[in-house]
Amino acid sequence: MGAADVRTPTRAIVALSFAACGSAAALRVCDPLLPRLTEQYGIGLGAAAQTVTAFAIAYGVLQLAYGPIGDRYGKYRVITFACAASAVTSIACALAPAFGTLVVARVFAGATAGALIPLSLAWIGDAVPYERRQPVLARFLLGQMFGLALGQLVGGLGADYWGAGPSFIVLAVWFAGSTVLLWRSAAHAPRAAPRPSSGSIVARFGAVLGVRWARFLLACIFLEGVFLFGAIAFIPTHFNRAYGVPLTLAGSMVMLYGAGGMVFAALSGVLVRTLGEPGLAAAGGSLLLLSLATISLVHTVPVGAVACLTAGLGFYMLHNTLQVNATQMAPAQRGSGVALFAACLFLGQSTGVGLAGLASERFGTAPVILLGGVLVLALALVFATARRRALARS
């Protein structure tokens, strides 16, 4: 049965959204913990940021395996197993006795959580026709948006009160519950995936990279990871140091970033119809620059909170547009294509966080956050121009 012949599998998408929430929370949980880790282990901010980059590198590299595995064995099945494994690796993070051990555990945590969001995107691409996909993806990404907020909150509470260990236990419980939900919803997950080619893994990735638009899109998402996620990772630290607020409050303020994404999910249909994909990307980049400039330059808590909200809206206007294009850039190899997309994003993120950590130690967090906003606007405008030309030719 083709994707056009089935209804939107809402129950399965809700289960996938819960798993995506855990993945996003695991990604961001260490951001507010960085100052706590520097004090606990007597290390610099750049060294503490290894807990972020280790997760992101493993997350990105493993996409090169998860995409073809999902194409071969079934994306929903692989997601379910990986979610269960993420509960185990989160416990390993909680029990890590030393900083080096924690970094290694974060590598394994990134490796297991790496399957959840990209394979969910690919599965939705198989099950939902392109003309209905952007609003469905926006609703699925509510889980990811809430996860970003949850990770910041849990990490902030851990930084101020619990310590790092209990924060990872919270994640383990979430992953365990999501695994049960995925398993119970498996009957509502239609097998709508296209038949994978009989070629090797290298041939599948080569088929994706042979498409010019796919290469351009992969470059865009890598640069988005470098420019934007490096800046975002240090927003809680910036709030703590420049605004003088406790890390719990800093994490709570950054939760509004996820709320901005929820605003996008609610308005996505109207925004897509009104602005189109090029306009949506350009407007998202503009909002991001305005928001990040405000966070870096205006040290007032209410203004910073509103800026986090608008930054979340801007991010999902840009990022969801890139993700929707990723689900269609190589339909016959959708799992492999989205896997490459996610790998580029998280390799870019790990690069960005590492560079931003070093730059923050030397120049402070404010210039790093501001520069991230400037560069991501430039990227959004380049993508918008290219997409407009592509649509004009089609």
Foldseek 3Di string as FASTA:
>chain_A
DALVVDDQLVLLLVLLLLLLLLLLLLLQLCLLVQVLVCVVAVHASLVSCLLNLLLLQLLLVLLLVLLVVCLVPNLLVLQLVLLLQLLVLLLQLLPQPHPVSNSVSSNSNSNSSSSRPLSSLLLLLLNHDLVPRLLSVLVSCLSSLQSNLLSQLLSLCCSVPNPDNVSSNVSSVSSVVSSVSSVVSVVSRDPRAARADPDDSVVLLVVLVVQPVLVVLLVLLLQLLQLALLLVSNLLVCLCPVLVDRSNVSSNLLSLLSVLSVVCSVCVVVCCVVQNLLRLLLVLLVLLLVLLLCSLPPNDSVSNSVSSNSNSNSVCSNVSSSSSCQCVSRRNSNSSSSSSSSSSNSNSNSNNNSVSSVCCVVPNSSVSSNRSSVSSSVSSNVVSVVVVVVVVVD
